[in-house]
Amino acid sequence: MSNLKVAIVGGGIGGVTLAACLNKRGLDVHLFEQSSKFGEVGAGIQMTPNAVKVIKWLGGAEKLKEIGFLPQALTGRSWDKGDVSFSIPLAEECVRRYGAEFYHVHRADLHELLVSCLGSTQVYFNKRCVRLENELTQPKLYFEDGSEFEADVVVGADGVRSVIRHFLFGEEAPTFTGNMCYRAVVPYDEMPEFVTPEAAFWFGPKSHIVTYYVKGGKAVNIVAVNETEEWVMESWNTASSKEELLSDYKGWHPNVQKLFDSVEEVYKWGLFDRDPMQKWSKGKVTLLGDAAHPMLPFLSQGAAMAIEDSYVLATVLDALPHDLTLAFELYEKERLPRTSRVQLEARERGKTYHLSSKEEQEKRDAEYKKQQAEDPHKGGIKTDWVYAYDATAFNVVT
């Protein structure tokens, strides 16, 4: 335990998880959030076993079980006929193979769970960071309201357009990837027969759809990605319409059409990306989550990587409070190769999911079926290596 004072900019999933991990280790934690209160927006999120291990370490196992849904499988389906090309067993199989469950949760429910783990963390709302000074004995944060704050360490957990990243490494706008995404959550009194209890990946020409249950099976989450030349504002709350959604997915399987026809509210946003960085830290400041490694959602790992980052960063800061240079070196050594691989492989999955010609699709699906016969856990979208990782096994070795 150390008395290191850590300031975290950004109260999303990454920032809150880091604060909770640091607080559990007894550090002096200060969390700055630009909104007036906690209230994560968005829709569903896949909490894969690698992230669940950290949440369990924080003491959130029972709450996660309460808010989550256990899918039976992760399944690949053709866009028009619904033919299955692979099916990766989940549910109890994940515990046996990876040491933790695979949950589907609503993003707001997950955020609330993590907030409940903050303990004595000091939280400051309405704090929009506008400047960082990192050349002083202690880094200093400046906020839009005129206030300032000094800390021993500053962590930028402030997302893909990170202010902290800008002041560390200069201005570099994220790149629009040519993909836009529809998001919707459809509530149901009973689980409809046309939505199976799985993480269903529907692969189509220049687009794909992912559907799964959240809210303990009381709602279905929709993620529909579509290639477009039109730039779409990067936002969780750009309103779209059921008509627009249905128009972009004409001819898809009847079960998809039935689900989309039940949509009442739908939002859209553009998908932005950055190349992997060489380093995340300068002086006594470092980055975490999307501020360090924004990624496409095609492996469902954006939040999971931030959660893993949080455990590792908290571990090195606790172990090496008087040698932050070494602490950050160990943090990056452990995390950079993994997050860079996830970033790059997520890009490649997008290409594989969106094959346009019938011949390309048939070749891909034949390969999926071959992999399925050999080992379903190592086939399909190939996430065995992702789920097997255990951040809580990380220890500081100098």
Protein backbone atom coordinates (compact mmCIF):
# COMPACT_ATOMS: atom_id res chain seq x y z
CA MET A 1 0.00 0.00 0.00
CA SER A 2 1.28 3.48 -0.88
CA ASN A 3 0.03 7.05 -0.46
CA LEU A 4 0.56 7.83 -4.15
CA LYS A 5 -1.98 10.42 -5.32
CA VAL A 6 -3.46 9.38 -8.67
CA ALA A 7 -5.70 11.60 -10.81
CA ILE A 8 -7.82 9.87 -13.45
CA VAL A 9 -9.39 11.90 -16.25
CA GLY A 10 -12.53 10.20 -17.52
CA GLY A 11 -15.26 8.36 -15.65
CA GLY A 12 -16.24 5.76 -18.25
CA ILE A 13 -15.72 2.03 -17.86
CA GLY A 14 -11.92 2.26 -18.02
CA GLY A 15 -11.54 5.20 -15.64
CA VAL A 16 -13.96 3.79 -13.07
CA THR A 17 -12.37 0.32 -13.20
CA LEU A 18 -8.91 1.79 -12.67
CA ALA A 19 -10.17 3.87 -9.76
CA ALA A 20 -11.75 0.79 -8.19
CA CYS A 21 -8.56 -1.27 -8.65
CA LEU A 22 -6.39 1.49 -7.14
CA ASN A 23 -8.80 2.07 -4.27
CA LYS A 24 -8.79 -1.63 -3.39
CA ARG A 25 -5.00 -1.41 -3.14
CA GLY A 26 -5.24 1.59 -0.82
CA LEU A 27 -3.99 4.39 -3.08
CA ASP A 28 -5.25 7.99 -2.95
CA VAL A 29 -7.53 8.15 -6.00
CA HIS A 30 -9.20 11.21 -7.58
CA LEU A 31 -11.56 10.66 -10.52
CA PHE A 32 -12.60 13.56 -12.78
CA GLU A 33 -15.71 13.23 -14.95
CA GLN A 34 -16.94 15.92 -17.34
CA SER A 35 -20.62 14.98 -16.97
CA SER A 36 -22.81 16.12 -14.08
CA LYS A 37 -23.29 12.56 -12.83
CA PHE A 38 -22.49 8.96 -13.62
CA GLY A 39 -24.77 7.45 -16.21
CA GLU A 40 -23.06 5.47 -18.95
CA VAL A 41 -25.03 5.67 -22.17
CA GLY A 42 -25.08 3.10 -24.92
CA ALA A 43 -26.49 -0.36 -25.25
CA GLY A 44 -25.27 -3.91 -24.79
CA ILE A 45 -21.72 -5.03 -24.19
CA GLN A 46 -20.03 -8.43 -24.20
CA MET A 47 -18.10 -9.15 -21.04
CA THR A 48 -15.80 -11.93 -22.12
CA PRO A 49 -13.94 -14.18 -19.62
CA ASN A 50 -10.73 -12.13 -19.73
CA ALA A 51 -12.60 -9.06 -18.43
CA VAL A 52 -14.81 -11.00 -16.03
CA LYS A 53 -11.73 -12.19 -14.14
CA VAL A 54 -10.94 -8.59 -13.15
CA ILE A 55 -14.55 -7.82 -12.20
CA LYS A 56 -14.55 -10.89 -9.95
CA TRP A 57 -11.32 -9.70 -8.33
CA LEU A 58 -13.09 -6.43 -7.55
CA GLY A 59 -15.87 -8.36 -5.83
CA GLY A 60 -18.50 -7.95 -8.54
CA ALA A 61 -19.23 -11.63 -9.25
CA GLU A 62 -22.72 -11.78 -7.72
CA LYS A 63 -23.83 -8.45 -9.16
CA LEU A 64 -22.56 -9.45 -12.60
CA LYS A 65 -24.51 -12.69 -12.39
CA GLU A 66 -27.60 -10.68 -11.46
CA ILE A 67 -27.39 -8.17 -14.32
CA GLY A 68 -25.93 -10.43 -16.98
CA PHE A 69 -27.10 -13.06 -19.44
CA LEU A 70 -25.14 -16.24 -20.16
CA PRO A 71 -25.21 -16.98 -23.90
CA GLN A 72 -25.08 -20.61 -24.91
CA ALA A 73 -22.78 -20.08 -27.88
CA LEU A 74 -21.13 -17.61 -30.21
CA THR A 75 -22.51 -18.48 -33.63
CA GLY A 76 -21.77 -17.43 -37.18
CA ARG A 77 -24.75 -17.27 -39.55
CA SER A 78 -25.25 -16.36 -43.19
CA TRP A 79 -27.11 -13.11 -43.75
CA ASP A 80 -29.90 -14.46 -45.94
CA LYS A 81 -30.48 -18.11 -45.05
CA GLY A 82 -29.21 -18.18 -41.46
CA ASP A 83 -26.98 -21.17 -42.19
CA VAL A 84 -24.54 -21.85 -39.34
CA SER A 85 -20.85 -21.84 -40.28
CA PHE A 86 -19.50 -22.12 -36.72
CA SER A 87 -20.74 -22.33 -33.15
CA ILE A 88 -18.36 -21.77 -30.24
CA PRO A 89 -19.72 -23.25 -26.98
CA LEU A 90 -19.95 -20.75 -24.12
CA ALA A 91 -22.01 -20.86 -20.86
CA GLU A 92 -20.45 -23.47 -18.52
CA GLU A 93 -17.78 -24.26 -21.10
CA CYS A 94 -16.10 -20.87 -20.57
CA VAL A 95 -15.57 -21.49 -16.86
CA ARG A 96 -13.94 -24.83 -17.58
CA ARG A 97 -11.75 -23.55 -20.38
CA TYR A 98 -10.94 -19.98 -19.34
CA GLY A 99 -11.70 -19.80 -15.61
CA ALA A 100 -14.55 -17.29 -15.89
CA GLU A 101 -17.96 -16.80 -17.49
CA PHE A 102 -18.95 -14.96 -20.67
CA TYR A 103 -21.74 -12.46 -19.94
CA HIS A 104 -23.89 -10.16 -22.01
CA VAL A 105 -24.81 -7.03 -20.06
CA HIS A 106 -26.21 -3.59 -20.65
CA ARG A 107 -23.43 -1.02 -20.62
CA ALA A 108 -25.20 1.16 -18.04
CA ASP A 109 -25.65 -1.83 -15.71
CA LEU A 110 -21.96 -2.70 -15.98
CA HIS A 111 -20.95 0.88 -15.29
CA GLU A 112 -23.19 0.98 -12.21
CA LEU A 113 -21.58 -2.23 -10.95
CA LEU A 114 -18.10 -0.75 -11.33
CA VAL A 115 -19.14 2.50 -9.63
CA SER A 116 -20.28 0.43 -6.64
CA CYS A 117 -16.65 -0.74 -6.29
CA LEU A 118 -15.18 2.78 -6.02
CA GLY A 119 -15.01 2.74 -2.23
CA SER A 120 -13.30 5.87 -0.89
CA THR A 121 -12.37 7.22 -4.34
CA GLN A 122 -12.92 10.99 -4.51
CA VAL A 123 -15.12 11.74 -7.52
CA TYR A 124 -15.48 15.18 -9.12
CA PHE A 125 -18.25 15.91 -11.63
CA ASN A 126 -18.58 18.71 -14.19
CA LYS A 127 -14.82 18.63 -14.68
CA ARG A 128 -13.90 19.00 -18.34
CA CYS A 129 -10.12 18.87 -18.64
CA VAL A 130 -8.74 21.46 -21.06
CA ARG A 131 -5.00 21.38 -20.39
CA LEU A 132 -2.23 19.30 -18.87
CA GLU A 133 1.17 20.48 -17.65
CA ASN A 134 3.60 17.59 -17.43
CA GLU A 135 6.92 19.39 -17.00
CA LEU A 136 6.46 20.14 -13.31
CA THR A 137 7.48 18.17 -10.24
CA GLN A 138 3.86 17.05 -10.17
CA PRO A 139 1.67 17.03 -13.29
CA LYS A 140 -1.13 19.58 -13.15
CA LEU A 141 -4.62 19.40 -14.66
CA TYR A 142 -6.60 22.48 -15.68
CA PHE A 143 -10.37 22.36 -16.03
CA GLU A 144 -12.90 24.39 -17.96
CA ASP A 145 -14.39 25.82 -14.75
CA GLY A 146 -11.04 27.41 -13.86
CA SER A 147 -10.02 24.87 -11.23
CA GLU A 148 -6.68 23.08 -11.11
CA PHE A 149 -5.42 19.83 -9.61
CA GLU A 150 -1.94 18.44 -8.96
CA ALA A 151 -1.20 14.75 -8.49
CA ASP A 152 1.75 12.38 -8.36
CA VAL A 153 0.36 10.52 -11.39
CA VAL A 154 -2.19 11.42 -14.07
CA VAL A 155 -3.98 8.79 -16.15
CA GLY A 156 -5.89 9.74 -19.29
CA ALA A 157 -8.93 7.49 -19.54
CA ASP A 158 -10.81 10.04 -21.60
CA GLY A 159 -11.61 8.12 -24.76
CA VAL A 160 -10.79 8.13 -28.44
CA ARG A 161 -10.52 11.95 -28.57
CA SER A 162 -8.42 12.11 -25.41
CA VAL A 163 -7.32 15.54 -24.22
CA ILE A 164 -4.52 13.94 -22.21
CA ARG A 165 -3.23 12.08 -25.26
CA HIS A 166 -3.24 15.35 -27.20
CA PHE A 167 -1.06 17.09 -24.62
CA LEU A 168 1.31 14.13 -24.38
CA PHE A 169 1.78 13.30 -28.04
CA GLY A 170 0.23 16.11 -30.11
CA GLU A 171 -2.88 16.43 -32.21
CA GLU A 172 -3.74 13.44 -34.38
CA ALA A 173 -7.34 12.99 -35.41
CA PRO A 174 -8.73 9.44 -35.42
CA THR A 175 -9.50 8.00 -38.84
CA PHE A 176 -13.01 7.28 -40.05
CA THR A 177 -12.98 3.62 -41.12
CA GLY A 178 -15.77 3.69 -43.68
CA ASN A 179 -18.05 1.83 -41.28
CA MET A 180 -21.10 3.12 -39.47
CA CYS A 181 -23.03 1.27 -36.81
CA TYR A 182 -26.65 1.13 -35.71
CA ARG A 183 -27.37 0.42 -32.03
CA ALA A 184 -30.69 -0.52 -30.50
CA VAL A 185 -32.09 -2.39 -27.52
CA VAL A 186 -35.46 -4.08 -27.92
CA PRO A 187 -37.30 -5.04 -24.68
CA TYR A 188 -39.40 -8.22 -24.53
CA ASP A 189 -41.70 -9.59 -21.83
CA GLU A 190 -40.67 -13.09 -22.92
CA MET A 191 -37.72 -14.25 -25.01
CA PRO A 192 -38.94 -14.35 -28.62
CA GLU A 193 -38.46 -17.60 -30.49
CA PHE A 194 -36.82 -15.82 -33.44
CA VAL A 195 -33.85 -14.67 -31.30
CA THR A 196 -31.78 -17.60 -30.11
CA PRO A 197 -29.94 -17.40 -26.72
CA GLU A 198 -26.54 -16.88 -28.31
CA ALA A 199 -24.19 -14.21 -29.54
CA ALA A 200 -25.27 -14.37 -33.17
CA PHE A 201 -22.95 -12.95 -35.84
CA TRP A 202 -24.82 -12.50 -39.12
CA PHE A 203 -22.34 -12.05 -41.99
CA GLY A 204 -23.48 -10.19 -45.10
CA PRO A 205 -22.08 -8.26 -48.06
CA LYS A 206 -20.31 -5.12 -46.80
CA SER A 207 -22.09 -5.42 -43.46
CA HIS A 208 -22.72 -7.63 -40.46
CA ILE A 209 -25.09 -7.77 -37.51
CA VAL A 210 -24.55 -8.98 -33.95
CA THR A 211 -27.55 -9.77 -31.71
CA TYR A 212 -27.67 -10.99 -28.13
CA TYR A 213 -29.76 -10.84 -24.97
CA VAL A 214 -29.13 -8.39 -22.12
CA LYS A 215 -31.06 -7.52 -18.95
CA GLY A 216 -31.17 -11.18 -17.94
CA GLY A 217 -32.98 -12.07 -21.15
CA LYS A 218 -35.52 -9.24 -20.97
CA ALA A 219 -34.10 -7.33 -23.94
CA VAL A 220 -32.18 -7.94 -27.17
CA ASN A 221 -29.18 -5.84 -28.12
CA ILE A 222 -28.59 -5.03 -31.78
CA VAL A 223 -25.29 -3.97 -33.33
CA ALA A 224 -25.57 -3.54 -37.11
CA VAL A 225 -22.43 -2.43 -38.95
CA ASN A 226 -22.68 -1.15 -42.49
CA GLU A 227 -20.00 0.14 -44.85
CA THR A 228 -20.61 3.66 -46.08
CA GLU A 229 -18.75 6.44 -47.85
CA GLU A 230 -20.71 9.00 -45.86
CA TRP A 231 -19.03 10.36 -42.76
CA VAL A 232 -21.21 9.79 -39.70
CA MET A 233 -20.80 11.80 -36.51
CA GLU A 234 -18.99 9.78 -33.86
CA SER A 235 -21.60 9.66 -31.14
CA TRP A 236 -23.72 7.29 -29.09
CA ASN A 237 -26.81 9.43 -29.47
CA THR A 238 -27.20 10.43 -33.11
CA ALA A 239 -30.81 9.47 -33.70
CA SER A 240 -31.70 7.22 -36.61
CA SER A 241 -34.98 5.45 -37.39
CA LYS A 242 -36.41 1.99 -37.81
CA GLU A 243 -37.07 2.81 -41.46
CA GLU A 244 -33.43 3.69 -42.08
CA LEU A 245 -32.28 0.52 -40.34
CA LEU A 246 -34.67 -1.71 -42.30
CA SER A 247 -33.72 0.00 -45.54
CA ASP A 248 -30.04 -0.86 -45.12
CA TYR A 249 -30.82 -4.53 -44.41
CA LYS A 250 -33.40 -5.39 -47.05
CA GLY A 251 -33.40 -9.08 -47.95
CA TRP A 252 -31.77 -10.28 -44.76
CA HIS A 253 -33.09 -13.32 -42.92
CA PRO A 254 -36.72 -13.15 -41.69
CA ASN A 255 -35.61 -13.43 -38.07
CA VAL A 256 -33.49 -10.30 -38.52
CA GLN A 257 -36.41 -8.51 -40.14
CA LYS A 258 -38.76 -9.45 -37.29
CA LEU A 259 -36.29 -8.18 -34.71
CA PHE A 260 -35.65 -4.92 -36.55
CA ASP A 261 -39.37 -4.38 -37.00
CA SER A 262 -39.70 -4.39 -33.20
CA VAL A 263 -37.23 -1.51 -32.80
CA GLU A 264 -38.59 1.70 -31.32
CA GLU A 265 -35.41 3.73 -30.77
CA VAL A 266 -32.24 3.33 -32.83
CA TYR A 267 -29.02 5.33 -32.85
CA LYS A 268 -26.05 5.41 -35.18
CA TRP A 269 -22.45 6.50 -35.10
CA GLY A 270 -19.32 6.34 -37.23
CA LEU A 271 -16.53 3.93 -36.32
CA PHE A 272 -13.13 5.58 -35.88
CA ASP A 273 -9.75 3.98 -35.45
CA ARG A 274 -6.09 4.73 -34.73
CA ASP A 275 -2.90 2.77 -35.38
CA PRO A 276 -1.21 1.12 -32.38
CA MET A 277 1.15 3.42 -30.49
CA GLN A 278 4.80 2.77 -29.61
CA LYS A 279 4.35 4.06 -26.06
CA TRP A 280 1.59 5.50 -23.88
CA SER A 281 3.53 7.35 -21.18
CA LYS A 282 5.53 10.52 -20.70
CA GLY A 283 6.88 11.78 -17.40
CA LYS A 284 4.31 11.00 -14.74
CA VAL A 285 1.36 10.66 -17.11
CA THR A 286 0.03 7.64 -18.99
CA LEU A 287 -3.00 6.52 -20.97
CA LEU A 288 -5.55 3.75 -20.62
CA GLY A 289 -8.34 2.20 -22.70
CA ASP A 290 -9.57 4.01 -25.81
CA ALA A 291 -7.24 6.95 -25.10
CA ALA A 292 -4.33 4.56 -25.67
CA HIS A 293 -5.71 1.98 -28.10
CA PRO A 294 -9.10 2.71 -29.68
CA MET A 295 -10.29 -0.28 -31.66
CA LEU A 296 -13.08 -1.44 -33.89
CA PRO A 297 -15.74 -3.47 -32.07
CA PHE A 298 -15.37 -6.57 -34.26
CA LEU A 299 -13.80 -8.65 -31.47
CA SER A 300 -15.99 -7.05 -28.77
CA GLN A 301 -12.90 -6.10 -26.76
CA GLY A 302 -12.86 -2.31 -26.34
CA ALA A 303 -14.16 -2.28 -22.77
CA ALA A 304 -12.44 -5.56 -21.93
CA MET A 305 -9.02 -4.17 -22.87
CA ALA A 306 -9.61 -1.10 -20.67
CA ILE A 307 -10.58 -3.36 -17.77
CA GLU A 308 -7.42 -5.44 -18.22
CA ASP A 309 -5.32 -2.26 -18.47
CA SER A 310 -6.78 -1.09 -15.18
CA TYR A 311 -5.69 -4.11 -13.18
CA VAL A 312 -2.15 -4.07 -14.58
CA LEU A 313 -1.68 -0.32 -14.16
CA ALA A 314 -2.99 -0.42 -10.58
CA THR A 315 -0.57 -3.27 -9.84
CA VAL A 316 2.54 -1.45 -11.07
CA LEU A 317 1.61 1.84 -9.38
CA ASP A 318 1.06 0.07 -6.09
CA ALA A 319 4.32 -1.88 -6.34
CA LEU A 320 6.55 0.96 -7.63
CA PRO A 321 5.23 4.28 -6.29
CA HIS A 322 8.75 5.74 -6.15
CA ASP A 323 9.84 4.61 -9.62
CA LEU A 324 7.13 5.67 -12.03
CA THR A 325 9.43 5.32 -15.03
CA LEU A 326 9.86 1.63 -14.33
CA ALA A 327 6.19 1.26 -13.41
CA PHE A 328 5.09 2.64 -16.78
CA GLU A 329 7.69 0.54 -18.62
CA LEU A 330 6.29 -2.62 -17.05
CA TYR A 331 2.71 -1.52 -17.73
CA GLU A 332 3.46 -0.97 -21.41
CA LYS A 333 5.54 -4.15 -21.69
CA GLU A 334 2.59 -6.19 -20.45
CA ARG A 335 -0.21 -4.37 -22.25
CA LEU A 336 1.06 -2.83 -25.52
CA PRO A 337 1.68 -6.06 -27.45
CA ARG A 338 -1.70 -7.47 -26.51
CA THR A 339 -3.79 -4.40 -27.20
CA SER A 340 -1.94 -3.77 -30.47
CA ARG A 341 -2.72 -7.30 -31.61
CA VAL A 342 -6.39 -6.89 -30.71
CA GLN A 343 -6.54 -3.56 -32.59
CA LEU A 344 -5.07 -5.04 -35.75
CA GLU A 345 -6.97 -8.31 -35.64
CA ALA A 346 -10.25 -6.46 -35.10
CA ARG A 347 -9.57 -4.62 -38.37
CA GLU A 348 -9.01 -7.91 -40.15
CA ARG A 349 -12.21 -9.42 -38.76
CA GLY A 350 -14.14 -6.54 -40.29
CA LYS A 351 -12.80 -7.46 -43.71
CA THR A 352 -13.65 -11.13 -43.19
CA TYR A 353 -17.16 -10.41 -41.96
CA HIS A 354 -18.02 -8.15 -44.93
CA LEU A 355 -17.02 -10.24 -47.95
CA SER A 356 -19.17 -9.22 -50.89
CA SER A 357 -19.15 -11.97 -53.51
CA LYS A 358 -20.92 -15.30 -53.12
CA GLU A 359 -17.69 -17.12 -53.95
CA GLU A 360 -15.74 -15.32 -51.21
CA GLN A 361 -18.48 -15.99 -48.68
CA GLU A 362 -18.66 -19.68 -49.55
CA LYS A 363 -14.88 -20.04 -49.25
CA ARG A 364 -14.88 -18.28 -45.87
CA ASP A 365 -17.77 -20.36 -44.55
CA ALA A 366 -16.16 -23.60 -45.73
CA GLU A 367 -13.03 -22.66 -43.79
CA TYR A 368 -15.15 -21.87 -40.73
CA LYS A 369 -16.78 -25.31 -40.93
CA LYS A 370 -13.40 -27.00 -41.25
CA GLN A 371 -12.14 -25.17 -38.16
CA GLN A 372 -15.36 -26.04 -36.32
CA ALA A 373 -14.73 -29.75 -36.92
CA GLU A 374 -11.15 -29.50 -35.67
CA ASP A 375 -11.72 -27.34 -32.57
CA PRO A 376 -14.63 -24.88 -32.32
CA HIS A 377 -12.81 -22.80 -29.70
CA LYS A 378 -9.93 -22.08 -32.06
CA GLY A 379 -12.07 -21.47 -35.12
CA GLY A 380 -14.75 -18.99 -36.13
CA ILE A 381 -13.71 -15.47 -35.14
CA LYS A 382 -10.63 -16.97 -33.41
CA THR A 383 -10.89 -15.51 -29.91
CA ASP A 384 -9.47 -18.39 -27.86
CA TRP A 385 -6.26 -16.43 -27.19
CA VAL A 386 -8.27 -13.36 -26.20
CA TYR A 387 -10.45 -15.09 -23.61
CA ALA A 388 -7.62 -17.15 -22.07
CA TYR A 389 -5.67 -14.10 -20.86
CA ASP A 390 -5.76 -13.43 -17.11
CA ALA A 391 -4.71 -9.93 -16.05
CA THR A 392 -5.07 -10.90 -12.38
CA ALA A 393 -2.15 -13.31 -12.80
CA PHE A 394 0.14 -10.37 -13.56
CA ASN A 395 2.80 -9.65 -10.94
CA VAL A 396 5.58 -7.07 -10.86
CA VAL A 397 8.92 -8.69 -11.56
CA THR A 398 11.89 -6.32 -11.71
